[in-house]
Amino acid sequence: RRALADAAREALAADPERSLPDLACALATSPHHLSRVFRAQTGHTVSRHRMRLRARAAMERLAGGERELARLAADLGFADQSHLCRVLRGETGRTPSALRAALA
């Protein structure tokens, strides 16, 4: 089970946009089984893990000086700029501008 969760994390790191059914197919398991094992091993869902990967990528780009939040949100698969801001605030407790200042 640990190996399945680790393989899923690696696959998501390589392609964060991969859907749960595609991921499960690539790992030769069912989406339901993958979801249960992933949550049991990591403490969070596949979609939550995917969102954390997106948030981490956003923080890296903000640290690199990215100024255009709408473009950043679109590039990373967020629904819009507001969604990006909500996710970052949920993950870090800070707004993108506060993160940019702290990371710069």
N, C-alpha and C. Protein backbone atom coordinates (compact mmCIF):
# COMPACT_ATOMS: atom_id res chain seq x y z
N ARG A 1 0.82 -1.20 0.00
CA ARG A 1 0.00 0.00 0.00
C ARG A 1 0.86 1.26 0.00
N ARG A 2 1.91 1.24 0.77
CA ARG A 2 2.82 2.39 0.79
C ARG A 2 3.40 2.60 -0.61
N ALA A 3 3.75 1.51 -1.27
CA ALA A 3 4.33 1.61 -2.61
C ALA A 3 3.34 2.21 -3.59
N LEU A 4 2.06 1.87 -3.47
CA LEU A 4 1.05 2.43 -4.35
C LEU A 4 0.91 3.93 -4.13
N ALA A 5 0.86 4.35 -2.88
CA ALA A 5 0.76 5.78 -2.56
C ALA A 5 2.00 6.52 -3.04
N ASP A 6 3.17 5.94 -2.86
CA ASP A 6 4.41 6.57 -3.32
C ASP A 6 4.42 6.70 -4.84
N ALA A 7 3.98 5.66 -5.53
CA ALA A 7 3.93 5.70 -7.00
C ALA A 7 2.94 6.76 -7.47
N ALA A 8 1.83 6.89 -6.78
CA ALA A 8 0.84 7.91 -7.13
C ALA A 8 1.42 9.31 -6.92
N ARG A 9 2.12 9.52 -5.81
CA ARG A 9 2.74 10.83 -5.56
C ARG A 9 3.76 11.16 -6.64
N GLU A 10 4.56 10.19 -7.03
CA GLU A 10 5.56 10.42 -8.08
C GLU A 10 4.90 10.75 -9.41
N ALA A 11 3.85 10.02 -9.74
CA ALA A 11 3.14 10.27 -11.00
C ALA A 11 2.49 11.65 -11.00
N LEU A 12 1.93 12.05 -9.87
CA LEU A 12 1.32 13.37 -9.78
C LEU A 12 2.36 14.48 -9.82
N ALA A 13 3.52 14.24 -9.26
CA ALA A 13 4.59 15.24 -9.32
C ALA A 13 5.02 15.45 -10.77
N ALA A 14 5.03 14.38 -11.55
CA ALA A 14 5.41 14.48 -12.96
C ALA A 14 4.31 15.13 -13.79
N ASP A 15 3.05 14.89 -13.43
CA ASP A 15 1.92 15.42 -14.19
C ASP A 15 0.76 15.71 -13.24
N PRO A 16 0.75 16.90 -12.61
CA PRO A 16 -0.28 17.22 -11.61
C PRO A 16 -1.70 17.28 -12.18
N GLU A 17 -1.83 17.39 -13.48
CA GLU A 17 -3.16 17.49 -14.08
C GLU A 17 -3.78 16.13 -14.39
N ARG A 18 -3.05 15.08 -14.16
CA ARG A 18 -3.53 13.73 -14.46
C ARG A 18 -4.78 13.43 -13.64
N SER A 19 -5.81 12.92 -14.29
CA SER A 19 -7.06 12.61 -13.59
C SER A 19 -6.90 11.35 -12.74
N LEU A 20 -7.78 11.21 -11.77
CA LEU A 20 -7.75 10.04 -10.91
C LEU A 20 -7.93 8.74 -11.70
N PRO A 21 -8.90 8.67 -12.63
CA PRO A 21 -9.02 7.43 -13.42
C PRO A 21 -7.77 7.12 -14.25
N ASP A 22 -7.15 8.13 -14.85
CA ASP A 22 -5.92 7.90 -15.62
C ASP A 22 -4.79 7.44 -14.71
N LEU A 23 -4.69 8.07 -13.57
CA LEU A 23 -3.66 7.70 -12.61
C LEU A 23 -3.85 6.26 -12.13
N ALA A 24 -5.07 5.91 -11.80
CA ALA A 24 -5.36 4.55 -11.35
C ALA A 24 -5.06 3.54 -12.44
N CYS A 25 -5.42 3.86 -13.67
CA CYS A 25 -5.16 2.95 -14.80
C CYS A 25 -3.65 2.74 -14.96
N ALA A 26 -2.89 3.81 -14.88
CA ALA A 26 -1.44 3.72 -15.02
C ALA A 26 -0.82 2.88 -13.90
N LEU A 27 -1.45 2.87 -12.74
CA LEU A 27 -0.94 2.12 -11.60
C LEU A 27 -1.61 0.76 -11.45
N ALA A 28 -2.41 0.39 -12.45
CA ALA A 28 -3.07 -0.92 -12.50
C ALA A 28 -3.95 -1.20 -11.28
N THR A 29 -4.75 -0.21 -10.93
CA THR A 29 -5.69 -0.36 -9.82
C THR A 29 -6.95 0.42 -10.14
N SER A 30 -7.94 0.33 -9.29
CA SER A 30 -9.18 1.08 -9.51
C SER A 30 -9.07 2.46 -8.87
N PRO A 31 -9.81 3.43 -9.39
CA PRO A 31 -9.80 4.76 -8.77
C PRO A 31 -10.22 4.71 -7.30
N HIS A 32 -11.21 3.90 -6.99
CA HIS A 32 -11.68 3.80 -5.61
C HIS A 32 -10.59 3.25 -4.68
N HIS A 33 -9.94 2.19 -5.10
CA HIS A 33 -8.87 1.60 -4.29
C HIS A 33 -7.72 2.59 -4.12
N LEU A 34 -7.33 3.24 -5.21
CA LEU A 34 -6.25 4.22 -5.14
C LEU A 34 -6.61 5.34 -4.17
N SER A 35 -7.83 5.83 -4.25
CA SER A 35 -8.27 6.91 -3.35
C SER A 35 -8.19 6.48 -1.89
N ARG A 36 -8.67 5.28 -1.59
CA ARG A 36 -8.65 4.80 -0.21
C ARG A 36 -7.23 4.61 0.30
N VAL A 37 -6.39 3.98 -0.50
CA VAL A 37 -5.01 3.73 -0.09
C VAL A 37 -4.25 5.05 0.06
N PHE A 38 -4.43 5.95 -0.89
CA PHE A 38 -3.72 7.22 -0.86
C PHE A 38 -4.08 7.99 0.41
N ARG A 39 -5.35 8.06 0.71
CA ARG A 39 -5.78 8.78 1.91
C ARG A 39 -5.27 8.10 3.18
N ALA A 40 -5.32 6.80 3.22
CA ALA A 40 -4.84 6.07 4.40
C ALA A 40 -3.35 6.27 4.62
N GLN A 41 -2.59 6.34 3.55
CA GLN A 41 -1.13 6.46 3.66
C GLN A 41 -0.65 7.90 3.85
N THR A 42 -1.37 8.86 3.26
CA THR A 42 -0.89 10.24 3.29
C THR A 42 -1.68 11.15 4.22
N GLY A 43 -2.90 10.76 4.53
CA GLY A 43 -3.73 11.60 5.39
C GLY A 43 -4.55 12.62 4.62
N HIS A 44 -4.43 12.64 3.30
CA HIS A 44 -5.26 13.54 2.50
C HIS A 44 -5.60 12.89 1.16
N THR A 45 -6.55 13.48 0.47
CA THR A 45 -7.03 12.91 -0.78
C THR A 45 -6.09 13.21 -1.94
N VAL A 46 -6.30 12.51 -3.03
CA VAL A 46 -5.52 12.75 -4.25
C VAL A 46 -5.74 14.19 -4.72
N SER A 47 -6.97 14.66 -4.71
CA SER A 47 -7.24 16.02 -5.17
C SER A 47 -6.59 17.05 -4.26
N ARG A 48 -6.58 16.79 -2.96
CA ARG A 48 -5.90 17.71 -2.02
C ARG A 48 -4.40 17.73 -2.29
N HIS A 49 -3.84 16.58 -2.56
CA HIS A 49 -2.41 16.50 -2.88
C HIS A 49 -2.11 17.28 -4.16
N ARG A 50 -2.97 17.12 -5.15
CA ARG A 50 -2.81 17.84 -6.41
C ARG A 50 -2.85 19.36 -6.17
N MET A 51 -3.78 19.79 -5.31
CA MET A 51 -3.90 21.22 -5.02
C MET A 51 -2.66 21.72 -4.28
N ARG A 52 -2.09 20.91 -3.40
CA ARG A 52 -0.86 21.30 -2.71
C ARG A 52 0.30 21.43 -3.70
N LEU A 53 0.35 20.55 -4.68
CA LEU A 53 1.39 20.66 -5.71
C LEU A 53 1.24 21.97 -6.49
N ARG A 54 0.01 22.31 -6.83
CA ARG A 54 -0.24 23.57 -7.54
C ARG A 54 0.15 24.77 -6.67
N ALA A 55 -0.20 24.71 -5.39
CA ALA A 55 0.14 25.81 -4.48
C ALA A 55 1.65 25.95 -4.36
N ARG A 56 2.36 24.83 -4.27
CA ARG A 56 3.82 24.87 -4.18
C ARG A 56 4.42 25.49 -5.45
N ALA A 57 3.88 25.11 -6.60
CA ALA A 57 4.36 25.67 -7.86
C ALA A 57 4.08 27.18 -7.91
N ALA A 58 2.93 27.59 -7.42
CA ALA A 58 2.60 29.02 -7.38
C ALA A 58 3.56 29.77 -6.48
N MET A 59 3.88 29.20 -5.32
CA MET A 59 4.82 29.86 -4.40
C MET A 59 6.20 29.99 -5.04
N GLU A 60 6.63 28.97 -5.76
CA GLU A 60 7.93 29.04 -6.43
C GLU A 60 7.95 30.15 -7.47
N ARG A 61 6.86 30.27 -8.22
CA ARG A 61 6.81 31.32 -9.25
C ARG A 61 6.69 32.70 -8.62
N LEU A 62 5.97 32.81 -7.52
CA LEU A 62 5.90 34.10 -6.81
C LEU A 62 7.27 34.48 -6.28
N ALA A 63 7.99 33.52 -5.75
CA ALA A 63 9.35 33.78 -5.25
C ALA A 63 10.27 34.20 -6.38
N GLY A 64 9.98 33.71 -7.58
CA GLY A 64 10.77 34.06 -8.76
C GLY A 64 10.39 35.40 -9.36
N GLY A 65 9.42 36.08 -8.77
CA GLY A 65 9.05 37.41 -9.22
C GLY A 65 7.81 37.49 -10.09
N GLU A 66 7.08 36.42 -10.23
CA GLU A 66 5.84 36.44 -11.03
C GLU A 66 4.90 37.50 -10.49
N ARG A 67 4.42 38.37 -11.36
CA ARG A 67 3.56 39.48 -10.94
C ARG A 67 2.10 39.28 -11.36
N GLU A 68 1.89 38.62 -12.47
CA GLU A 68 0.55 38.49 -13.05
C GLU A 68 -0.19 37.28 -12.47
N LEU A 69 -1.06 37.53 -11.49
CA LEU A 69 -1.74 36.43 -10.80
C LEU A 69 -2.74 35.70 -11.69
N ALA A 70 -3.41 36.42 -12.58
CA ALA A 70 -4.38 35.76 -13.46
C ALA A 70 -3.68 34.77 -14.38
N ARG A 71 -2.55 35.16 -14.92
CA ARG A 71 -1.80 34.25 -15.80
C ARG A 71 -1.25 33.07 -14.99
N LEU A 72 -0.74 33.36 -13.81
CA LEU A 72 -0.21 32.30 -12.94
C LEU A 72 -1.31 31.29 -12.63
N ALA A 73 -2.49 31.78 -12.29
CA ALA A 73 -3.62 30.90 -11.99
C ALA A 73 -3.97 30.02 -13.19
N ALA A 74 -4.04 30.62 -14.36
CA ALA A 74 -4.38 29.86 -15.57
C ALA A 74 -3.30 28.84 -15.90
N ASP A 75 -2.04 29.24 -15.77
CA ASP A 75 -0.93 28.33 -16.08
C ASP A 75 -0.92 27.09 -15.19
N LEU A 76 -1.33 27.26 -13.94
CA LEU A 76 -1.24 26.17 -12.96
C LEU A 76 -2.55 25.40 -12.78
N GLY A 77 -3.57 25.74 -13.56
CA GLY A 77 -4.80 24.97 -13.53
C GLY A 77 -5.82 25.39 -12.49
N PHE A 78 -5.68 26.59 -11.94
CA PHE A 78 -6.69 27.10 -11.02
C PHE A 78 -7.86 27.64 -11.85
N ALA A 79 -9.05 27.66 -11.28
CA ALA A 79 -10.23 28.14 -12.00
C ALA A 79 -10.08 29.61 -12.38
N ASP A 80 -9.51 30.40 -11.49
CA ASP A 80 -9.30 31.82 -11.75
C ASP A 80 -8.36 32.38 -10.66
N GLN A 81 -8.13 33.67 -10.73
CA GLN A 81 -7.22 34.32 -9.78
C GLN A 81 -7.73 34.20 -8.34
N SER A 82 -9.03 34.32 -8.16
CA SER A 82 -9.61 34.21 -6.81
C SER A 82 -9.38 32.82 -6.23
N HIS A 83 -9.51 31.81 -7.07
CA HIS A 83 -9.27 30.43 -6.62
C HIS A 83 -7.82 30.28 -6.17
N LEU A 84 -6.89 30.80 -6.94
CA LEU A 84 -5.47 30.77 -6.57
C LEU A 84 -5.27 31.43 -5.21
N CYS A 85 -5.85 32.60 -5.02
CA CYS A 85 -5.69 33.33 -3.76
C CYS A 85 -6.27 32.55 -2.58
N ARG A 86 -7.44 31.94 -2.77
CA ARG A 86 -8.05 31.15 -1.69
C ARG A 86 -7.19 29.95 -1.33
N VAL A 87 -6.68 29.27 -2.34
CA VAL A 87 -5.85 28.09 -2.07
C VAL A 87 -4.56 28.49 -1.35
N LEU A 88 -3.91 29.54 -1.82
CA LEU A 88 -2.66 29.98 -1.17
C LEU A 88 -2.92 30.42 0.26
N ARG A 89 -4.00 31.13 0.48
CA ARG A 89 -4.31 31.56 1.84
C ARG A 89 -4.62 30.34 2.71
N GLY A 90 -5.32 29.37 2.17
CA GLY A 90 -5.62 28.15 2.92
C GLY A 90 -4.37 27.35 3.25
N GLU A 91 -3.43 27.29 2.32
CA GLU A 91 -2.20 26.52 2.51
C GLU A 91 -1.20 27.24 3.41
N THR A 92 -1.11 28.56 3.28
CA THR A 92 -0.04 29.29 3.96
C THR A 92 -0.53 30.32 4.98
N GLY A 93 -1.81 30.68 4.89
CA GLY A 93 -2.32 31.74 5.76
C GLY A 93 -1.98 33.13 5.26
N ARG A 94 -1.43 33.21 4.05
CA ARG A 94 -1.01 34.50 3.49
C ARG A 94 -1.58 34.70 2.09
N THR A 95 -1.74 35.95 1.73
CA THR A 95 -2.16 36.29 0.38
C THR A 95 -0.96 36.18 -0.56
N PRO A 96 -1.20 36.13 -1.87
CA PRO A 96 -0.07 36.08 -2.80
C PRO A 96 0.90 37.25 -2.64
N SER A 97 0.39 38.46 -2.41
CA SER A 97 1.30 39.60 -2.26
C SER A 97 2.14 39.47 -0.99
N ALA A 98 1.55 38.98 0.09
CA ALA A 98 2.31 38.77 1.33
C ALA A 98 3.33 37.66 1.13
N LEU A 99 2.96 36.62 0.40
CA LEU A 99 3.91 35.54 0.11
C LEU A 99 5.06 36.06 -0.74
N ARG A 100 4.74 36.83 -1.75
CA ARG A 100 5.78 37.37 -2.63
C ARG A 100 6.78 38.18 -1.81
N ALA A 101 6.28 39.01 -0.90
CA ALA A 101 7.16 39.82 -0.06
C ALA A 101 8.00 38.95 0.88
N ALA A 102 7.38 37.93 1.44
CA ALA A 102 8.10 37.05 2.37
C ALA A 102 9.13 36.19 1.67
N LEU A 103 8.85 35.79 0.44
CA LEU A 103 9.74 34.89 -0.28
C LEU A 103 10.83 35.62 -1.06
N ALA A 104 10.65 36.90 -1.26
CA ALA A 104 11.63 37.67 -2.06
C ALA A 104 12.87 38.01 -1.28
